[in-house]
Amino acid sequence: MDIPGVGDGLDLWFQAWIQGFLLLFAEIGATVVMGAVVIAIFAFFSARTVRRWFWCAQAGRAVEVEFERRGPLRTLARVRSCSAFEDKTAIGCSRRCLDGNFRRQWEQALPVADGRPAR
């Protein structure tokens, strides 16, 4: 037996309940997306350092260089220190070692002994 008006009210209540859940899920999804964007921006602008040992033609000897990597592809952005100079942070050359092809022209230098066990 159908009671007039009861089914319509229940349908409206159920529809409002579903819309409330959809709105909640949309807000959670937007929050997750915004969080991912913020993390991506911090990752994009963060800098990492790597050390490389190679033969430097300008110095005429093997050097240890600390590079700073930046950007989404983590490309070498700048030279932070170089053992070819008395003050390792006072880089006085043209920094051609940022180009990997330039560094690989010569045979690879042996790593500098720093007291750490070999891998």
PDB file of N, CA and C in Angstrom:
ATOM      1  N   MET A   1       0.829  -1.165   0.000  1.00  0.00           N
ATOM      2  CA  MET A   1       0.000   0.000   0.000  1.00  0.00           C
ATOM      3  C   MET A   1       0.887   1.247   0.000  1.00  0.00           C
ATOM      4  N   ASP A   2       0.611   2.141  -0.900  1.00  0.00           N
ATOM      5  CA  ASP A   2       1.365   3.386  -1.009  1.00  0.00           C
ATOM      6  C   ASP A   2       0.730   4.461  -0.144  1.00  0.00           C
ATOM      7  N   ILE A   3       1.583   5.104   0.665  1.00  0.00           N
ATOM      8  CA  ILE A   3       1.105   6.219   1.466  1.00  0.00           C
ATOM      9  C   ILE A   3       1.557   7.485   0.756  1.00  0.00           C
ATOM     10  N   PRO A   4       0.632   8.330   0.363  1.00  0.00           N
ATOM     11  CA  PRO A   4       1.008   9.533  -0.387  1.00  0.00           C
ATOM     12  C   PRO A   4       1.914  10.453   0.433  1.00  0.00           C
ATOM     13  N   GLY A   5       3.004  10.930  -0.217  1.00  0.00           N
ATOM     14  CA  GLY A   5       3.899  11.898   0.401  1.00  0.00           C
ATOM     15  C   GLY A   5       5.056  11.291   1.174  1.00  0.00           C
ATOM     16  N   VAL A   6       4.939  10.031   1.628  1.00  0.00           N
ATOM     17  CA  VAL A   6       6.005   9.420   2.414  1.00  0.00           C
ATOM     18  C   VAL A   6       7.178   9.047   1.507  1.00  0.00           C
ATOM     19  N   GLY A   7       6.903   8.470   0.363  1.00  0.00           N
ATOM     20  CA  GLY A   7       7.956   8.061  -0.570  1.00  0.00           C
ATOM     21  C   GLY A   7       8.727   9.246  -1.101  1.00  0.00           C
ATOM     22  N   ASP A   8       8.022  10.356  -1.363  1.00  0.00           N
ATOM     23  CA  ASP A   8       8.701  11.546  -1.889  1.00  0.00           C
ATOM     24  C   ASP A   8       9.666  12.119  -0.868  1.00  0.00           C
ATOM     25  N   GLY A   9       9.276  12.182   0.387  1.00  0.00           N
ATOM     26  CA  GLY A   9      10.144  12.718   1.430  1.00  0.00           C
ATOM     27  C   GLY A   9      11.361  11.841   1.645  1.00  0.00           C
ATOM     28  N   LEU A  10      11.167  10.515   1.586  1.00  0.00           N
ATOM     29  CA  LEU A  10      12.280   9.591   1.749  1.00  0.00           C
ATOM     30  C   LEU A  10      13.252   9.717   0.586  1.00  0.00           C
ATOM     31  N   ASP A  11      12.735   9.876  -0.610  1.00  0.00           N
ATOM     32  CA  ASP A  11      13.604  10.061  -1.780  1.00  0.00           C
ATOM     33  C   ASP A  11      14.403  11.356  -1.665  1.00  0.00           C
ATOM     34  N   LEU A  12      13.772  12.420  -1.208  1.00  0.00           N
ATOM     35  CA  LEU A  12      14.483  13.690  -1.052  1.00  0.00           C
ATOM     36  C   LEU A  12      15.558  13.580   0.024  1.00  0.00           C
ATOM     37  N   TRP A  13      15.234  12.890   1.130  1.00  0.00           N
ATOM     38  CA  TRP A  13      16.219  12.710   2.192  1.00  0.00           C
ATOM     39  C   TRP A  13      17.407  11.890   1.692  1.00  0.00           C
ATOM     40  N   PHE A  14      17.133  10.811   0.960  1.00  0.00           N
ATOM     41  CA  PHE A  14      18.194   9.955   0.431  1.00  0.00           C
ATOM     42  C   PHE A  14      19.052  10.723  -0.571  1.00  0.00           C
ATOM     43  N   GLN A  15      18.407  11.544  -1.404  1.00  0.00           N
ATOM     44  CA  GLN A  15      19.146  12.341  -2.384  1.00  0.00           C
ATOM     45  C   GLN A  15      20.056  13.352  -1.671  1.00  0.00           C
ATOM     46  N   ALA A  16      19.565  13.998  -0.617  1.00  0.00           N
ATOM     47  CA  ALA A  16      20.387  14.954   0.137  1.00  0.00           C
ATOM     48  C   ALA A  16      21.546  14.238   0.820  1.00  0.00           C
ATOM     49  N   TRP A  17      21.298  13.030   1.316  1.00  0.00           N
ATOM     50  CA  TRP A  17      22.339  12.239   1.983  1.00  0.00           C
ATOM     51  C   TRP A  17      23.448  11.891   0.992  1.00  0.00           C
ATOM     52  N   ILE A  18      23.091  11.441  -0.199  1.00  0.00           N
ATOM     53  CA  ILE A  18      24.065  11.090  -1.248  1.00  0.00           C
ATOM     54  C   ILE A  18      24.833  12.330  -1.684  1.00  0.00           C
ATOM     55  N   GLN A  19      24.148  13.461  -1.856  1.00  0.00           N
ATOM     56  CA  GLN A  19      24.830  14.688  -2.267  1.00  0.00           C
ATOM     57  C   GLN A  19      25.826  15.140  -1.195  1.00  0.00           C
ATOM     58  N   GLY A  20      25.485  14.949   0.064  1.00  0.00           N
ATOM     59  CA  GLY A  20      26.410  15.282   1.146  1.00  0.00           C
ATOM     60  C   GLY A  20      27.679  14.455   1.072  1.00  0.00           C
ATOM     61  N   PHE A  21      27.529  13.158   0.819  1.00  0.00           N
ATOM     62  CA  PHE A  21      28.710  12.301   0.676  1.00  0.00           C
ATOM     63  C   PHE A  21      29.534  12.678  -0.553  1.00  0.00           C
ATOM     64  N   LEU A  22      28.877  12.981  -1.655  1.00  0.00           N
ATOM     65  CA  LEU A  22      29.606  13.388  -2.858  1.00  0.00           C
ATOM     66  C   LEU A  22      30.379  14.674  -2.624  1.00  0.00           C
ATOM     67  N   LEU A  23      29.768  15.618  -1.906  1.00  0.00           N
ATOM     68  CA  LEU A  23      30.452  16.863  -1.591  1.00  0.00           C
ATOM     69  C   LEU A  23      31.663  16.603  -0.698  1.00  0.00           C
ATOM     70  N   LEU A  24      31.507  15.724   0.285  1.00  0.00           N
ATOM     71  CA  LEU A  24      32.623  15.371   1.167  1.00  0.00           C
ATOM     72  C   LEU A  24      33.766  14.735   0.380  1.00  0.00           C
ATOM     73  N   PHE A  25      33.454  13.799  -0.500  1.00  0.00           N
ATOM     74  CA  PHE A  25      34.491  13.153  -1.317  1.00  0.00           C
ATOM     75  C   PHE A  25      35.156  14.148  -2.264  1.00  0.00           C
ATOM     76  N   ALA A  26      34.393  15.100  -2.790  1.00  0.00           N
ATOM     77  CA  ALA A  26      34.973  16.119  -3.665  1.00  0.00           C
ATOM     78  C   ALA A  26      35.945  17.007  -2.880  1.00  0.00           C
ATOM     79  N   GLU A  27      35.590  17.364  -1.654  1.00  0.00           N
ATOM     80  CA  GLU A  27      36.486  18.182  -0.831  1.00  0.00           C
ATOM     81  C   GLU A  27      37.748  17.421  -0.464  1.00  0.00           C
ATOM     82  N   ILE A  28      37.605  16.145  -0.137  1.00  0.00           N
ATOM     83  CA  ILE A  28      38.783  15.331   0.174  1.00  0.00           C
ATOM     84  C   ILE A  28      39.676  15.200  -1.057  1.00  0.00           C
ATOM     85  N   GLY A  29      39.084  14.973  -2.200  1.00  0.00           N
ATOM     86  CA  GLY A  29      39.852  14.863  -3.447  1.00  0.00           C
ATOM     87  C   GLY A  29      40.579  16.152  -3.775  1.00  0.00           C
ATOM     88  N   ALA A  30      39.919  17.296  -3.590  1.00  0.00           N
ATOM     89  CA  ALA A  30      40.559  18.586  -3.857  1.00  0.00           C
ATOM     90  C   ALA A  30      41.718  18.818  -2.892  1.00  0.00           C
ATOM     91  N   THR A  31      41.545  18.419  -1.632  1.00  0.00           N
ATOM     92  CA  THR A  31      42.615  18.568  -0.646  1.00  0.00           C
ATOM     93  C   THR A  31      43.821  17.710  -1.016  1.00  0.00           C
ATOM     94  N   VAL A  32      43.579  16.492  -1.454  1.00  0.00           N
ATOM     95  CA  VAL A  32      44.670  15.598  -1.851  1.00  0.00           C
ATOM     96  C   VAL A  32      45.409  16.167  -3.059  1.00  0.00           C
ATOM     97  N   VAL A  33      44.670  16.673  -4.025  1.00  0.00           N
ATOM     98  CA  VAL A  33      45.292  17.238  -5.226  1.00  0.00           C
ATOM     99  C   VAL A  33      46.125  18.468  -4.860  1.00  0.00           C
ATOM    100  N   MET A  34      45.591  19.336  -4.012  1.00  0.00           N
ATOM    101  CA  MET A  34      46.344  20.527  -3.610  1.00  0.00           C
ATOM    102  C   MET A  34      47.601  20.141  -2.831  1.00  0.00           C
ATOM    103  N   GLY A  35      47.498  19.132  -1.980  1.00  0.00           N
ATOM    104  CA  GLY A  35      48.675  18.652  -1.254  1.00  0.00           C
ATOM    105  C   GLY A  35      49.734  18.121  -2.201  1.00  0.00           C
ATOM    106  N   ALA A  36      49.314  17.387  -3.218  1.00  0.00           N
ATOM    107  CA  ALA A  36      50.261  16.857  -4.202  1.00  0.00           C
ATOM    108  C   ALA A  36      50.931  17.986  -4.975  1.00  0.00           C
ATOM    109  N   VAL A  37      50.183  19.032  -5.285  1.00  0.00           N
ATOM    110  CA  VAL A  37      50.752  20.177  -6.003  1.00  0.00           C
ATOM    111  C   VAL A  37      51.796  20.875  -5.129  1.00  0.00           C
ATOM    112  N   VAL A  38      51.495  21.067  -3.859  1.00  0.00           N
ATOM    113  CA  VAL A  38      52.447  21.721  -2.951  1.00  0.00           C
ATOM    114  C   VAL A  38      53.724  20.888  -2.828  1.00  0.00           C
ATOM    115  N   ILE A  39      53.575  19.575  -2.690  1.00  0.00           N
ATOM    116  CA  ILE A  39      54.755  18.702  -2.595  1.00  0.00           C
ATOM    117  C   ILE A  39      55.567  18.760  -3.885  1.00  0.00           C
ATOM    118  N   ALA A  40      54.894  18.784  -5.032  1.00  0.00           N
ATOM    119  CA  ALA A  40      55.597  18.861  -6.316  1.00  0.00           C
ATOM    120  C   ALA A  40      56.359  20.179  -6.451  1.00  0.00           C
ATOM    121  N   ILE A  41      55.769  21.267  -5.970  1.00  0.00           N
ATOM    122  CA  ILE A  41      56.449  22.563  -6.047  1.00  0.00           C
ATOM    123  C   ILE A  41      57.693  22.560  -5.163  1.00  0.00           C
ATOM    124  N   PHE A  42      57.581  22.027  -3.943  1.00  0.00           N
ATOM    125  CA  PHE A  42      58.755  21.949  -3.073  1.00  0.00           C
ATOM    126  C   PHE A  42      59.828  21.051  -3.680  1.00  0.00           C
ATOM    127  N   ALA A  43      59.431  19.942  -4.288  1.00  0.00           N
ATOM    128  CA  ALA A  43      60.404  19.046  -4.916  1.00  0.00           C
ATOM    129  C   ALA A  43      61.083  19.719  -6.098  1.00  0.00           C
ATOM    130  N   PHE A  44      60.331  20.542  -6.838  1.00  0.00           N
ATOM    131  CA  PHE A  44      60.884  21.221  -8.003  1.00  0.00           C
ATOM    132  C   PHE A  44      61.964  22.218  -7.597  1.00  0.00           C
ATOM    133  N   PHE A  45      61.734  22.948  -6.502  1.00  0.00           N
ATOM    134  CA  PHE A  45      62.673  23.986  -6.104  1.00  0.00           C
ATOM    135  C   PHE A  45      63.726  23.528  -5.100  1.00  0.00           C
ATOM    136  N   SER A  46      63.632  22.299  -4.618  1.00  0.00           N
ATOM    137  CA  SER A  46      64.634  21.827  -3.671  1.00  0.00           C
ATOM    138  C   SER A  46      65.926  21.479  -4.408  1.00  0.00           C
ATOM    139  N   ALA A  47      67.023  21.599  -3.701  1.00  0.00           N
ATOM    140  CA  ALA A  47      68.332  21.325  -4.304  1.00  0.00           C
ATOM    141  C   ALA A  47      68.955  20.108  -3.618  1.00  0.00           C
ATOM    142  N   ARG A  48      69.585  19.283  -4.402  1.00  0.00           N
ATOM    143  CA  ARG A  48      70.322  18.137  -3.887  1.00  0.00           C
ATOM    144  C   ARG A  48      71.770  18.287  -4.342  1.00  0.00           C
ATOM    145  N   THR A  49      72.677  17.707  -3.590  1.00  0.00           N
ATOM    146  CA  THR A  49      74.079  17.780  -3.989  1.00  0.00           C
ATOM    147  C   THR A  49      74.595  16.380  -4.301  1.00  0.00           C
ATOM    148  N   VAL A  50      75.492  16.323  -5.259  1.00  0.00           N
ATOM    149  CA  VAL A  50      76.167  15.081  -5.626  1.00  0.00           C
ATOM    150  C   VAL A  50      77.648  15.384  -5.790  1.00  0.00           C
ATOM    151  N   ARG A  51      78.474  14.385  -5.499  1.00  0.00           N
ATOM    152  CA  ARG A  51      79.922  14.527  -5.677  1.00  0.00           C
ATOM    153  C   ARG A  51      80.362  13.676  -6.859  1.00  0.00           C
ATOM    154  N   ARG A  52      81.291  14.228  -7.624  1.00  0.00           N
ATOM    155  CA  ARG A  52      81.860  13.508  -8.755  1.00  0.00           C
ATOM    156  C   ARG A  52      83.377  13.680  -8.725  1.00  0.00           C
ATOM    157  N   TRP A  53      84.084  12.635  -9.137  1.00  0.00           N
ATOM    158  CA  TRP A  53      85.537  12.663  -9.272  1.00  0.00           C
ATOM    159  C   TRP A  53      85.841  12.465 -10.746  1.00  0.00           C
ATOM    160  N   PHE A  54      86.664  13.308 -11.306  1.00  0.00           N
ATOM    161  CA  PHE A  54      87.008  13.196 -12.717  1.00  0.00           C
ATOM    162  C   PHE A  54      88.299  13.961 -12.984  1.00  0.00           C
ATOM    163  N   TRP A  55      88.836  13.746 -14.182  1.00  0.00           N
ATOM    164  CA  TRP A  55      90.044  14.434 -14.608  1.00  0.00           C
ATOM    165  C   TRP A  55      89.635  15.797 -15.160  1.00  0.00           C
ATOM    166  N   CYS A  56      90.232  16.838 -14.598  1.00  0.00           N
ATOM    167  CA  CYS A  56      89.949  18.197 -15.061  1.00  0.00           C
ATOM    168  C   CYS A  56      91.106  18.660 -15.928  1.00  0.00           C
ATOM    169  N   ALA A  57      90.822  18.922 -17.187  1.00  0.00           N
ATOM    170  CA  ALA A  57      91.872  19.352 -18.114  1.00  0.00           C
ATOM    171  C   ALA A  57      92.374  20.750 -17.764  1.00  0.00           C
ATOM    172  N   GLN A  58      91.513  21.601 -17.253  1.00  0.00           N
ATOM    173  CA  GLN A  58      91.933  22.961 -16.908  1.00  0.00           C
ATOM    174  C   GLN A  58      92.879  22.954 -15.711  1.00  0.00           C
ATOM    175  N   ALA A  59      92.624  22.091 -14.715  1.00  0.00           N
ATOM    176  CA  ALA A  59      93.500  22.014 -13.542  1.00  0.00           C
ATOM    177  C   ALA A  59      94.682  21.093 -13.803  1.00  0.00           C
ATOM    178  N   GLY A  60      94.552  20.194 -14.774  1.00  0.00           N
ATOM    179  CA  GLY A  60      95.626  19.255 -15.101  1.00  0.00           C
ATOM    180  C   GLY A  60      95.758  18.131 -14.090  1.00  0.00           C
ATOM    181  N   ARG A  61      94.676  17.834 -13.378  1.00  0.00           N
ATOM    182  CA  ARG A  61      94.714  16.748 -12.385  1.00  0.00           C
ATOM    183  C   ARG A  61      93.293  16.274 -12.089  1.00  0.00           C
ATOM    184  N   ALA A  62      93.229  15.196 -11.317  1.00  0.00           N
ATOM    185  CA  ALA A  62      91.922  14.675 -10.902  1.00  0.00           C
ATOM    186  C   ALA A  62      91.362  15.582  -9.811  1.00  0.00           C
ATOM    187  N   VAL A  63      90.080  15.862  -9.882  1.00  0.00           N
ATOM    188  CA  VAL A  63      89.437  16.743  -8.909  1.00  0.00           C
ATOM    189  C   VAL A  63      88.175  16.082  -8.365  1.00  0.00           C
ATOM    190  N   GLU A  64      87.769  16.542  -7.193  1.00  0.00           N
ATOM    191  CA  GLU A  64      86.493  16.147  -6.603  1.00  0.00           C
ATOM    192  C   GLU A  64      85.614  17.391  -6.601  1.00  0.00           C
ATOM    193  N   VAL A  65      84.446  17.276  -7.227  1.00  0.00           N
ATOM    194  CA  VAL A  65      83.554  18.423  -7.375  1.00  0.00           C
ATOM    195  C   VAL A  65      82.203  18.083  -6.751  1.00  0.00           C
ATOM    196  N   GLU A  66      81.648  19.046  -6.034  1.00  0.00           N
ATOM    197  CA  GLU A  66      80.304  18.894  -5.480  1.00  0.00           C
ATOM    198  C   GLU A  66      79.375  19.771  -6.313  1.00  0.00           C
ATOM    199  N   PHE A  67      78.398  19.111  -6.945  1.00  0.00           N
ATOM    200  CA  PHE A  67      77.431  19.794  -7.794  1.00  0.00           C
ATOM    201  C   PHE A  67      76.098  19.929  -7.070  1.00  0.00           C
ATOM    202  N   GLU A  68      75.343  20.952  -7.453  1.00  0.00           N
ATOM    203  CA  GLU A  68      73.978  21.114  -6.962  1.00  0.00           C
ATOM    204  C   GLU A  68      73.036  20.733  -8.098  1.00  0.00           C
ATOM    205  N   ARG A  69      72.076  19.848  -7.777  1.00  0.00           N
ATOM    206  CA  ARG A  69      71.101  19.407  -8.781  1.00  0.00           C
ATOM    207  C   ARG A  69      69.774  20.083  -8.491  1.00  0.00           C
ATOM    208  N   ARG A  70      69.108  20.560  -9.539  1.00  0.00           N
ATOM    209  CA  ARG A  70      67.821  21.241  -9.388  1.00  0.00           C
ATOM    210  C   ARG A  70      66.873  20.832 -10.505  1.00  0.00           C
ATOM    211  N   GLY A  71      65.609  21.151 -10.285  1.00  0.00           N
ATOM    212  CA  GLY A  71      64.590  20.948 -11.298  1.00  0.00           C
ATOM    213  C   GLY A  71      64.006  19.554 -11.283  1.00  0.00           C
ATOM    214  N   PRO A  72      62.968  19.365 -12.085  1.00  0.00           N
ATOM    215  CA  PRO A  72      62.288  18.067 -12.090  1.00  0.00           C
ATOM    216  C   PRO A  72      63.157  16.936 -12.641  1.00  0.00           C
ATOM    217  N   LEU A  73      64.089  17.244 -13.518  1.00  0.00           N
ATOM    218  CA  LEU A  73      64.969  16.217 -14.086  1.00  0.00           C
ATOM    219  C   LEU A  73      66.278  16.120 -13.318  1.00  0.00           C
ATOM    220  N   ARG A  74      66.420  16.927 -12.271  1.00  0.00           N
ATOM    221  CA  ARG A  74      67.610  16.926 -11.414  1.00  0.00           C
ATOM    222  C   ARG A  74      68.893  17.126 -12.226  1.00  0.00           C
ATOM    223  N   THR A  75      68.884  18.131 -13.070  1.00  0.00           N
ATOM    224  CA  THR A  75      70.073  18.445 -13.853  1.00  0.00           C
ATOM    225  C   THR A  75      71.069  19.226 -12.990  1.00  0.00           C
ATOM    226  N   LEU A  76      72.341  19.138 -13.333  1.00  0.00           N
ATOM    227  CA  LEU A  76      73.373  19.848 -12.596  1.00  0.00           C
ATOM    228  C   LEU A  76      73.208  21.342 -12.853  1.00  0.00           C
ATOM    229  N   ALA A  77      73.021  22.097 -11.775  1.00  0.00           N
ATOM    230  CA  ALA A  77      72.737  23.519 -11.915  1.00  0.00           C
ATOM    231  C   ALA A  77      73.944  24.397 -11.621  1.00  0.00           C
ATOM    232  N   ARG A  78      74.767  23.996 -10.626  1.00  0.00           N
ATOM    233  CA  ARG A  78      75.929  24.826 -10.304  1.00  0.00           C
ATOM    234  C   ARG A  78      76.974  24.002  -9.575  1.00  0.00           C
ATOM    235  N   VAL A  79      78.196  24.533  -9.544  1.00  0.00           N
ATOM    236  CA  VAL A  79      79.297  23.905  -8.835  1.00  0.00           C
ATOM    237  C   VAL A  79      79.351  24.532  -7.444  1.00  0.00           C
ATOM    238  N   ARG A  80      79.228  23.705  -6.414  1.00  0.00           N
ATOM    239  CA  ARG A  80      79.277  24.222  -5.035  1.00  0.00           C
ATOM    240  C   ARG A  80      80.706  24.263  -4.501  1.00  0.00           C
ATOM    241  N   SER A  81      81.522  23.249  -4.840  1.00  0.00           N
ATOM    242  CA  SER A  81      82.919  23.238  -4.398  1.00  0.00           C
ATOM    243  C   SER A  81      83.734  22.398  -5.369  1.00  0.00           C
ATOM    244  N   CYS A  82      85.025  22.701  -5.416  1.00  0.00           N
ATOM    245  CA  CYS A  82      85.942  21.980  -6.306  1.00  0.00           C
ATOM    246  C   CYS A  82      87.309  21.903  -5.644  1.00  0.00           C
ATOM    247  N   SER A  83      87.906  20.715  -5.652  1.00  0.00           N
ATOM    248  CA  SER A  83      89.206  20.514  -5.005  1.00  0.00           C
ATOM    249  C   SER A  83      90.366  21.093  -5.818  1.00  0.00           C
ATOM    250  N   ALA A  84      90.100  21.625  -6.995  1.00  0.00           N
ATOM    251  CA  ALA A  84      91.164  22.212  -7.809  1.00  0.00           C
ATOM    252  C   ALA A  84      91.601  23.576  -7.270  1.00  0.00           C
ATOM    253  N   PHE A  85      90.799  24.154  -6.381  1.00  0.00           N
ATOM    254  CA  PHE A  85      91.096  25.489  -5.859  1.00  0.00           C
ATOM    255  C   PHE A  85      91.455  25.410  -4.382  1.00  0.00           C
ATOM    256  N   GLU A  86      92.312  26.337  -3.944  1.00  0.00           N
ATOM    257  CA  GLU A  86      92.734  26.347  -2.544  1.00  0.00           C
ATOM    258  C   GLU A  86      91.519  26.511  -1.630  1.00  0.00           C
ATOM    259  N   ASP A  87      90.691  27.502  -1.918  1.00  0.00           N
ATOM    260  CA  ASP A  87      89.399  27.645  -1.238  1.00  0.00           C
ATOM    261  C   ASP A  87      88.381  26.942  -2.121  1.00  0.00           C
ATOM    262  N   LYS A  88      87.911  25.803  -1.689  1.00  0.00           N
ATOM    263  CA  LYS A  88      87.070  24.949  -2.539  1.00  0.00           C
ATOM    264  C   LYS A  88      85.793  25.633  -3.023  1.00  0.00           C
ATOM    265  N   THR A  89      85.322  26.637  -2.302  1.00  0.00           N
ATOM    266  CA  THR A  89      84.083  27.298  -2.711  1.00  0.00           C
ATOM    267  C   THR A  89      84.324  28.499  -3.619  1.00  0.00           C
ATOM    268  N   ALA A  90      85.560  28.937  -3.760  1.00  0.00           N
ATOM    269  CA  ALA A  90      85.892  30.061  -4.638  1.00  0.00           C
ATOM    270  C   ALA A  90      86.238  29.516  -6.022  1.00  0.00           C
ATOM    271  N   ILE A  91      85.233  29.208  -6.789  1.00  0.00           N
ATOM    272  CA  ILE A  91      85.417  28.610  -8.116  1.00  0.00           C
ATOM    273  C   ILE A  91      85.833  29.705  -9.088  1.00  0.00           C
ATOM    274  N   GLY A  92      86.994  29.539  -9.713  1.00  0.00           N
ATOM    275  CA  GLY A  92      87.513  30.573 -10.601  1.00  0.00           C
ATOM    276  C   GLY A  92      87.628  30.136 -12.045  1.00  0.00           C
ATOM    277  N   CYS A  93      86.899  29.122 -12.454  1.00  0.00           N
ATOM    278  CA  CYS A  93      86.996  28.646 -13.839  1.00  0.00           C
ATOM    279  C   CYS A  93      85.658  28.866 -14.545  1.00  0.00           C
ATOM    280  N   SER A  94      85.572  28.387 -15.770  1.00  0.00           N
ATOM    281  CA  SER A  94      84.363  28.583 -16.572  1.00  0.00           C
ATOM    282  C   SER A  94      83.268  27.564 -16.271  1.00  0.00           C
ATOM    283  N   ARG A  95      83.524  26.620 -15.382  1.00  0.00           N
ATOM    284  CA  ARG A  95      82.552  25.604 -14.945  1.00  0.00           C
ATOM    285  C   ARG A  95      82.030  24.742 -16.105  1.00  0.00           C
ATOM    286  N   ARG A  96      82.928  24.395 -16.995  1.00  0.00           N
ATOM    287  CA  ARG A  96      82.524  23.537 -18.113  1.00  0.00           C
ATOM    288  C   ARG A  96      82.191  22.131 -17.640  1.00  0.00           C
ATOM    289  N   CYS A  97      82.586  21.785 -16.408  1.00  0.00           N
ATOM    290  CA  CYS A  97      82.321  20.447 -15.874  1.00  0.00           C
ATOM    291  C   CYS A  97      80.833  20.211 -15.610  1.00  0.00           C
ATOM    292  N   LEU A  98      80.007  21.252 -15.669  1.00  0.00           N
ATOM    293  CA  LEU A  98      78.561  21.056 -15.534  1.00  0.00           C
ATOM    294  C   LEU A  98      78.011  20.217 -16.684  1.00  0.00           C
ATOM    295  N   ASP A  99      78.708  20.246 -17.815  1.00  0.00           N
ATOM    296  CA  ASP A  99      78.314  19.448 -18.979  1.00  0.00           C
ATOM    297  C   ASP A  99      78.916  18.049 -18.844  1.00  0.00           C
ATOM    298  N   GLY A 100      78.064  17.039 -18.778  1.00  0.00           N
ATOM    299  CA  GLY A 100      78.527  15.660 -18.607  1.00  0.00           C
ATOM    300  C   GLY A 100      79.419  15.189 -19.739  1.00  0.00           C
ATOM    301  N   ASN A 101      79.157  15.631 -20.957  1.00  0.00           N
ATOM    302  CA  ASN A 101      79.992  15.234 -22.101  1.00  0.00           C
ATOM    303  C   ASN A 101      81.415  15.761 -21.950  1.00  0.00           C
ATOM    304  N   PHE A 102      81.565  16.939 -21.379  1.00  0.00           N
ATOM    305  CA  PHE A 102      82.892  17.500 -21.158  1.00  0.00           C
ATOM    306  C   PHE A 102      83.654  16.659 -20.133  1.00  0.00           C
ATOM    307  N   ARG A 103      82.976  16.240 -19.060  1.00  0.00           N
ATOM    308  CA  ARG A 103      83.636  15.439 -18.025  1.00  0.00           C
ATOM    309  C   ARG A 103      84.020  14.053 -18.530  1.00  0.00           C
ATOM    310  N   ARG A 104      83.273  13.499 -19.457  1.00  0.00           N
ATOM    311  CA  ARG A 104      83.525  12.133 -19.929  1.00  0.00           C
ATOM    312  C   ARG A 104      84.528  12.064 -21.073  1.00  0.00           C
ATOM    313  N   GLN A 105      85.171  13.149 -21.431  1.00  0.00           N
ATOM    314  CA  GLN A 105      86.163  13.130 -22.511  1.00  0.00           C
ATOM    315  C   GLN A 105      87.402  12.345 -22.115  1.00  0.00           C
ATOM    316  N   TRP A 106      87.722  12.349 -20.838  1.00  0.00           N
ATOM    317  CA  TRP A 106      88.939  11.725 -20.351  1.00  0.00           C
ATOM    318  C   TRP A 106      88.596  10.509 -19.517  1.00  0.00           C
ATOM    319  N   GLU A 107      89.589   9.700 -19.287  1.00  0.00           N
ATOM    320  CA  GLU A 107      89.397   8.506 -18.480  1.00  0.00           C
ATOM    321  C   GLU A 107      88.966   8.904 -17.064  1.00  0.00           C
ATOM    322  N   GLN A 108      88.120   8.081 -16.465  1.00  0.00           N
ATOM    323  CA  GLN A 108      87.580   8.395 -15.142  1.00  0.00           C
ATOM    324  C   GLN A 108      88.671   8.329 -14.078  1.00  0.00           C
ATOM    325  N   ALA A 109      88.659   9.299 -13.168  1.00  0.00           N
ATOM    326  CA  ALA A 109      89.639   9.336 -12.089  1.00  0.00           C
ATOM    327  C   ALA A 109      89.228   8.377 -10.976  1.00  0.00           C
ATOM    328  N   LEU A 110      90.208   7.938 -10.205  1.00  0.00           N
ATOM    329  CA  LEU A 110      89.916   7.098  -9.051  1.00  0.00           C
ATOM    330  C   LEU A 110      89.293   7.968  -7.955  1.00  0.00           C
ATOM    331  N   PRO A 111      88.379   7.399  -7.165  1.00  0.00           N
ATOM    332  CA  PRO A 111      87.767   8.196  -6.102  1.00  0.00           C
ATOM    333  C   PRO A 111      88.794   8.603  -5.051  1.00  0.00           C
ATOM    334  N   VAL A 112      88.557   9.749  -4.463  1.00  0.00           N
ATOM    335  CA  VAL A 112      89.439  10.277  -3.433  1.00  0.00           C
ATOM    336  C   VAL A 112      89.168   9.496  -2.149  1.00  0.00           C
ATOM    337  N   ALA A 113      90.236   9.063  -1.454  1.00  0.00           N
ATOM    338  CA  ALA A 113      90.068   8.305  -0.211  1.00  0.00           C
ATOM    339  C   ALA A 113      89.589   9.251   0.877  1.00  0.00           C
ATOM    340  N   ASP A 114      88.454   8.925   1.497  1.00  0.00           N
ATOM    341  CA  ASP A 114      87.922   9.787   2.546  1.00  0.00           C
ATOM    342  C   ASP A 114      87.652   9.021   3.835  1.00  0.00           C
ATOM    343  N   GLY A 115      88.187   7.815   3.958  1.00  0.00           N
ATOM    344  CA  GLY A 115      88.046   7.057   5.187  1.00  0.00           C
ATOM    345  C   GLY A 115      86.825   6.181   5.257  1.00  0.00           C
ATOM    346  N   ARG A 116      85.938   6.286   4.275  1.00  0.00           N
ATOM    347  CA  ARG A 116      84.741   5.431   4.275  1.00  0.00           C
ATOM    348  C   ARG A 116      85.096   4.075   3.664  1.00  0.00           C
ATOM    349  N   PRO A 117      84.470   2.996   4.133  1.00  0.00           N
ATOM    350  CA  PRO A 117      84.756   1.685   3.549  1.00  0.00           C
ATOM    351  C   PRO A 117      84.269   1.613   2.097  1.00  0.00           C
ATOM    352  N   ALA A 118      84.955   0.857   1.286  1.00  0.00           N
ATOM    353  CA  ALA A 118      84.582   0.697  -0.123  1.00  0.00           C
ATOM    354  C   ALA A 118      83.301  -0.104  -0.222  1.00  0.00           C
ATOM    355  N   ARG A 119      82.514   0.182  -1.254  1.00  0.00           N
ATOM    356  CA  ARG A 119      81.262  -0.538  -1.474  1.00  0.00           C
ATOM    357  C   ARG A 119      81.487  -1.733  -2.353  1.00  0.00           C
TER     358      ARG A 119
END
